[in-house]
Amino acid sequence: VRDVGEADLTSHRADALLRRLSVPHRARAHLTAGPSDEWHLVWTLILALRRADLARIGGFDAGFTGYGAEDTDLAFRARAAGLTLRFSPAEAFHQHHGVMTPPLHHLEDILVNARRFRQVHGRWAMEGWLRAFADAGLIAWDPEGERLELLRHPTEAELTAARRDDAAY
């Protein structure tokens, strides 16, 4: 047993505190280490990919602009290219920041990118957000068809109500 110095104790305490305060992402908490077919859960803020594989699938599609669906598009193209998805047992911590639920401040980007995703992959991406926008009367959307239309922008009151400063995701 080695002598534990003050710096080691401080680091250990900080690590323990970080783990205690962490909130697992509810959509990803069930993932286990190893191969997976849940390509729709790829999050490029924490992704390892060989440079050659990224080049082979063409990198990020510049047709996706602003916010939304670029991660899922990259993942779907990787799957189509025959890459294997493998989740790591490593833990990663994402710095907390407030969110909007749903992300009303990205409404127009999400609509543009949802249409692009449907054009490229034949299905809608970000369906949960699209459903929330439709339920709020912001968009007209046909989940089975092609219709995705902006009806109105969110009001200041709706933007304020969607803000979650204390939410982890």
C-alpha atoms as a PDB file:
ATOM      1  CA  VAL A   1       0.000   0.000   0.000  1.00  0.00           C
ATOM      2  CA  ARG A   2       1.446   3.318  -1.006  1.00  0.00           C
ATOM      3  CA  ASP A   3       1.260   6.536   0.954  1.00  0.00           C
ATOM      4  CA  VAL A   4      -1.622   8.666  -0.341  1.00  0.00           C
ATOM      5  CA  GLY A   5      -0.654  12.303  -0.656  1.00  0.00           C
ATOM      6  CA  GLU A   6      -2.922  15.345  -0.267  1.00  0.00           C
ATOM      7  CA  ALA A   7      -3.186  15.825  -4.043  1.00  0.00           C
ATOM      8  CA  ASP A   8      -4.333  12.216  -4.425  1.00  0.00           C
ATOM      9  CA  LEU A   9      -6.941  12.667  -1.688  1.00  0.00           C
ATOM     10  CA  THR A  10      -8.230  15.869  -3.271  1.00  0.00           C
ATOM     11  CA  SER A  11      -8.457  14.180  -6.646  1.00  0.00           C
ATOM     12  CA  HIS A  12     -10.200  11.151  -5.116  1.00  0.00           C
ATOM     13  CA  ARG A  13     -12.727  13.368  -3.297  1.00  0.00           C
ATOM     14  CA  ALA A  14     -13.424  15.390  -6.427  1.00  0.00           C
ATOM     15  CA  ASP A  15     -13.927  12.204  -8.434  1.00  0.00           C
ATOM     16  CA  ALA A  16     -16.302  10.790  -5.795  1.00  0.00           C
ATOM     17  CA  LEU A  17     -18.269  14.052  -5.713  1.00  0.00           C
ATOM     18  CA  LEU A  18     -18.500  14.159  -9.509  1.00  0.00           C
ATOM     19  CA  ARG A  19     -19.846  10.606  -9.605  1.00  0.00           C
ATOM     20  CA  ARG A  20     -22.355  11.319  -6.820  1.00  0.00           C
ATOM     21  CA  LEU A  21     -23.696  14.432  -8.587  1.00  0.00           C
ATOM     22  CA  SER A  22     -23.801  12.910 -12.063  1.00  0.00           C
ATOM     23  CA  VAL A  23     -27.084  12.238 -13.818  1.00  0.00           C
ATOM     24  CA  PRO A  24     -27.023   9.444 -16.411  1.00  0.00           C
ATOM     25  CA  HIS A  25     -28.703  10.341 -19.694  1.00  0.00           C
ATOM     26  CA  ARG A  26     -32.026   8.500 -19.535  1.00  0.00           C
ATOM     27  CA  ALA A  27     -31.940   7.547 -23.227  1.00  0.00           C
ATOM     28  CA  ARG A  28     -28.453   6.080 -22.869  1.00  0.00           C
ATOM     29  CA  ALA A  29     -28.420   4.696 -19.320  1.00  0.00           C
ATOM     30  CA  HIS A  30     -29.330   1.184 -20.532  1.00  0.00           C
ATOM     31  CA  LEU A  31     -26.331   0.906 -22.867  1.00  0.00           C
ATOM     32  CA  THR A  32     -23.750  -1.703 -22.005  1.00  0.00           C
ATOM     33  CA  ALA A  33     -20.184  -2.060 -23.179  1.00  0.00           C
ATOM     34  CA  GLY A  34     -19.725  -3.904 -26.434  1.00  0.00           C
ATOM     35  CA  PRO A  35     -21.337  -4.185 -29.855  1.00  0.00           C
ATOM     36  CA  SER A  36     -24.659  -2.451 -30.385  1.00  0.00           C
ATOM     37  CA  ASP A  37     -27.156  -1.775 -33.139  1.00  0.00           C
ATOM     38  CA  GLU A  38     -28.464   1.420 -31.525  1.00  0.00           C
ATOM     39  CA  TRP A  39     -26.957   3.728 -34.115  1.00  0.00           C
ATOM     40  CA  HIS A  40     -29.611   6.357 -33.408  1.00  0.00           C
ATOM     41  CA  LEU A  41     -27.955   6.947 -30.007  1.00  0.00           C
ATOM     42  CA  VAL A  42     -24.546   7.948 -31.388  1.00  0.00           C
ATOM     43  CA  TRP A  43     -23.485  11.266 -29.946  1.00  0.00           C
ATOM     44  CA  THR A  44     -20.426  12.699 -31.644  1.00  0.00           C
ATOM     45  CA  LEU A  45     -19.449  14.810 -28.663  1.00  0.00           C
ATOM     46  CA  ILE A  46     -18.069  11.515 -27.363  1.00  0.00           C
ATOM     47  CA  LEU A  47     -17.145   9.368 -30.328  1.00  0.00           C
ATOM     48  CA  ALA A  48     -13.969   7.652 -31.395  1.00  0.00           C
ATOM     49  CA  LEU A  49     -13.577   6.944 -35.080  1.00  0.00           C
ATOM     50  CA  ARG A  50     -10.525   6.138 -37.151  1.00  0.00           C
ATOM     51  CA  ARG A  51      -9.539   8.921 -39.525  1.00  0.00           C
ATOM     52  CA  ALA A  52      -9.637   6.492 -42.445  1.00  0.00           C
ATOM     53  CA  ASP A  53     -13.176   5.402 -41.551  1.00  0.00           C
ATOM     54  CA  LEU A  54     -14.331   9.008 -41.222  1.00  0.00           C
ATOM     55  CA  ALA A  55     -12.841   9.753 -44.646  1.00  0.00           C
ATOM     56  CA  ARG A  56     -14.443   6.614 -46.116  1.00  0.00           C
ATOM     57  CA  ILE A  57     -17.930   7.714 -45.055  1.00  0.00           C
ATOM     58  CA  GLY A  58     -17.273  11.270 -46.226  1.00  0.00           C
ATOM     59  CA  GLY A  59     -17.070  13.024 -42.857  1.00  0.00           C
ATOM     60  CA  PHE A  60     -19.912  15.167 -41.679  1.00  0.00           C
ATOM     61  CA  ASP A  61     -22.452  16.068 -44.343  1.00  0.00           C
ATOM     62  CA  ALA A  62     -22.237  19.837 -44.856  1.00  0.00           C
ATOM     63  CA  GLY A  63     -25.888  19.745 -45.922  1.00  0.00           C
ATOM     64  CA  PHE A  64     -26.791  19.648 -42.247  1.00  0.00           C
ATOM     65  CA  THR A  65     -26.538  23.177 -40.929  1.00  0.00           C
ATOM     66  CA  GLY A  66     -27.042  24.703 -37.542  1.00  0.00           C
ATOM     67  CA  TYR A  67     -28.373  22.206 -35.041  1.00  0.00           C
ATOM     68  CA  GLY A  68     -29.761  18.683 -35.215  1.00  0.00           C
ATOM     69  CA  ALA A  69     -29.468  15.283 -36.940  1.00  0.00           C
ATOM     70  CA  GLU A  70     -25.823  15.586 -38.055  1.00  0.00           C
ATOM     71  CA  ASP A  71     -24.760  12.966 -35.483  1.00  0.00           C
ATOM     72  CA  THR A  72     -27.476  10.536 -36.523  1.00  0.00           C
ATOM     73  CA  ASP A  73     -26.674  11.058 -40.189  1.00  0.00           C
ATOM     74  CA  LEU A  74     -22.986  10.313 -39.594  1.00  0.00           C
ATOM     75  CA  ALA A  75     -23.920   7.207 -37.597  1.00  0.00           C
ATOM     76  CA  PHE A  76     -26.345   5.921 -40.242  1.00  0.00           C
ATOM     77  CA  ARG A  77     -23.765   6.399 -42.986  1.00  0.00           C
ATOM     78  CA  ALA A  78     -21.180   4.558 -40.845  1.00  0.00           C
ATOM     79  CA  ARG A  79     -23.637   1.694 -40.418  1.00  0.00           C
ATOM     80  CA  ALA A  80     -24.303   1.632 -44.174  1.00  0.00           C
ATOM     81  CA  ALA A  81     -20.535   1.496 -44.797  1.00  0.00           C
ATOM     82  CA  GLY A  82     -20.283  -1.652 -42.673  1.00  0.00           C
ATOM     83  CA  LEU A  83     -18.660  -0.153 -39.582  1.00  0.00           C
ATOM     84  CA  THR A  84     -19.343  -1.753 -36.219  1.00  0.00           C
ATOM     85  CA  LEU A  85     -20.804   0.271 -33.366  1.00  0.00           C
ATOM     86  CA  ARG A  86     -19.301  -0.536 -30.013  1.00  0.00           C
ATOM     87  CA  PHE A  87     -20.080   1.263 -26.766  1.00  0.00           C
ATOM     88  CA  SER A  88     -17.192   1.722 -24.377  1.00  0.00           C
ATOM     89  CA  PRO A  89     -17.324   1.049 -20.651  1.00  0.00           C
ATOM     90  CA  ALA A  90     -15.418   4.319 -20.124  1.00  0.00           C
ATOM     91  CA  GLU A  91     -17.270   7.034 -18.292  1.00  0.00           C
ATOM     92  CA  ALA A  92     -17.517  10.514 -19.720  1.00  0.00           C
ATOM     93  CA  PHE A  93     -18.824  13.564 -17.959  1.00  0.00           C
ATOM     94  CA  HIS A  94     -20.507  16.408 -19.815  1.00  0.00           C
ATOM     95  CA  GLN A  95     -20.422  19.826 -18.214  1.00  0.00           C
ATOM     96  CA  HIS A  96     -23.847  20.917 -17.078  1.00  0.00           C
ATOM     97  CA  HIS A  97     -25.580  23.745 -18.891  1.00  0.00           C
ATOM     98  CA  GLY A  98     -29.179  24.788 -19.056  1.00  0.00           C
ATOM     99  CA  VAL A  99     -31.326  23.398 -21.858  1.00  0.00           C
ATOM    100  CA  MET A 100     -34.598  24.090 -23.603  1.00  0.00           C
ATOM    101  CA  THR A 101     -37.051  21.229 -23.667  1.00  0.00           C
ATOM    102  CA  PRO A 102     -37.956  20.997 -26.466  1.00  0.00           C
ATOM    103  CA  PRO A 103     -35.163  23.020 -28.101  1.00  0.00           C
ATOM    104  CA  LEU A 104     -37.410  25.818 -29.359  1.00  0.00           C
ATOM    105  CA  HIS A 105     -34.422  28.075 -29.973  1.00  0.00           C
ATOM    106  CA  HIS A 106     -33.282  25.622 -32.685  1.00  0.00           C
ATOM    107  CA  LEU A 107     -36.720  25.153 -34.269  1.00  0.00           C
ATOM    108  CA  GLU A 108     -35.848  26.300 -37.789  1.00  0.00           C
ATOM    109  CA  ASP A 109     -32.531  24.393 -37.898  1.00  0.00           C
ATOM    110  CA  ILE A 110     -34.278  21.243 -36.697  1.00  0.00           C
ATOM    111  CA  LEU A 111     -36.908  21.530 -39.434  1.00  0.00           C
ATOM    112  CA  VAL A 112     -34.302  22.052 -42.168  1.00  0.00           C
ATOM    113  CA  ASN A 113     -32.183  19.167 -40.899  1.00  0.00           C
ATOM    114  CA  ALA A 114     -35.165  16.859 -40.364  1.00  0.00           C
ATOM    115  CA  ARG A 115     -36.142  17.374 -44.007  1.00  0.00           C
ATOM    116  CA  ARG A 116     -32.551  16.739 -45.115  1.00  0.00           C
ATOM    117  CA  PHE A 117     -32.386  13.552 -43.027  1.00  0.00           C
ATOM    118  CA  ARG A 118     -35.673  12.306 -44.508  1.00  0.00           C
ATOM    119  CA  GLN A 119     -34.378  13.057 -48.019  1.00  0.00           C
ATOM    120  CA  VAL A 120     -31.131  11.151 -47.416  1.00  0.00           C
ATOM    121  CA  HIS A 121     -32.305   8.276 -45.196  1.00  0.00           C
ATOM    122  CA  GLY A 122     -36.017   7.912 -45.994  1.00  0.00           C
ATOM    123  CA  ARG A 123     -37.142   8.459 -42.411  1.00  0.00           C
ATOM    124  CA  TRP A 124     -37.531  11.277 -39.946  1.00  0.00           C
ATOM    125  CA  ALA A 125     -34.896  12.089 -37.352  1.00  0.00           C
ATOM    126  CA  MET A 126     -35.574  13.922 -34.081  1.00  0.00           C
ATOM    127  CA  GLU A 127     -39.121  12.569 -33.972  1.00  0.00           C
ATOM    128  CA  GLY A 128     -39.566  13.375 -30.282  1.00  0.00           C
ATOM    129  CA  TRP A 129     -38.791  17.028 -30.887  1.00  0.00           C
ATOM    130  CA  LEU A 130     -40.941  17.153 -34.020  1.00  0.00           C
ATOM    131  CA  ARG A 131     -43.830  15.638 -32.052  1.00  0.00           C
ATOM    132  CA  ALA A 132     -43.378  18.223 -29.283  1.00  0.00           C
ATOM    133  CA  PHE A 133     -43.317  21.062 -31.829  1.00  0.00           C
ATOM    134  CA  ALA A 134     -46.474  19.705 -33.485  1.00  0.00           C
ATOM    135  CA  ASP A 135     -48.226  19.298 -30.118  1.00  0.00           C
ATOM    136  CA  ALA A 136     -47.402  22.950 -29.350  1.00  0.00           C
ATOM    137  CA  GLY A 137     -48.949  24.050 -32.653  1.00  0.00           C
ATOM    138  CA  LEU A 138     -45.625  25.287 -34.032  1.00  0.00           C
ATOM    139  CA  ILE A 139     -45.488  22.909 -36.994  1.00  0.00           C
ATOM    140  CA  ALA A 140     -47.654  20.691 -39.145  1.00  0.00           C
ATOM    141  CA  TRP A 141     -45.975  17.298 -39.413  1.00  0.00           C
ATOM    142  CA  ASP A 142     -47.016  13.986 -40.909  1.00  0.00           C
ATOM    143  CA  PRO A 143     -44.825  11.287 -39.327  1.00  0.00           C
ATOM    144  CA  GLU A 144     -45.808   8.840 -42.086  1.00  0.00           C
ATOM    145  CA  GLY A 145     -45.556  11.260 -44.982  1.00  0.00           C
ATOM    146  CA  GLU A 146     -43.544  14.156 -46.319  1.00  0.00           C
ATOM    147  CA  ARG A 147     -45.261  17.116 -44.692  1.00  0.00           C
ATOM    148  CA  LEU A 148     -43.194  19.227 -42.318  1.00  0.00           C
ATOM    149  CA  GLU A 149     -44.251  22.859 -42.262  1.00  0.00           C
ATOM    150  CA  LEU A 150     -43.531  25.758 -39.926  1.00  0.00           C
ATOM    151  CA  LEU A 151     -46.824  27.254 -38.748  1.00  0.00           C
ATOM    152  CA  ARG A 152     -45.469  29.849 -36.342  1.00  0.00           C
ATOM    153  CA  HIS A 153     -42.469  30.734 -34.232  1.00  0.00           C
ATOM    154  CA  PRO A 154     -42.531  30.226 -30.468  1.00  0.00           C
ATOM    155  CA  THR A 155     -43.557  33.163 -28.322  1.00  0.00           C
ATOM    156  CA  GLU A 156     -41.274  34.677 -25.697  1.00  0.00           C
ATOM    157  CA  ALA A 157     -43.470  33.033 -23.050  1.00  0.00           C
ATOM    158  CA  GLU A 158     -43.022  29.612 -24.699  1.00  0.00           C
ATOM    159  CA  LEU A 159     -39.252  30.119 -24.916  1.00  0.00           C
ATOM    160  CA  THR A 160     -39.123  31.055 -21.232  1.00  0.00           C
ATOM    161  CA  ALA A 161     -41.295  28.078 -20.243  1.00  0.00           C
ATOM    162  CA  ALA A 162     -39.074  25.661 -22.203  1.00  0.00           C
ATOM    163  CA  ARG A 163     -35.898  26.789 -20.394  1.00  0.00           C
ATOM    164  CA  ARG A 164     -34.620  24.261 -17.842  1.00  0.00           C
ATOM    165  CA  ASP A 165     -31.593  25.633 -16.025  1.00  0.00           C
ATOM    166  CA  ASP A 166     -31.560  22.739 -13.560  1.00  0.00           C
ATOM    167  CA  ALA A 167     -32.086  19.923 -16.071  1.00  0.00           C
ATOM    168  CA  ALA A 168     -29.162  17.701 -16.958  1.00  0.00           C
ATOM    169  CA  TYR A 169     -30.473  17.028 -20.480  1.00  0.00           C
END
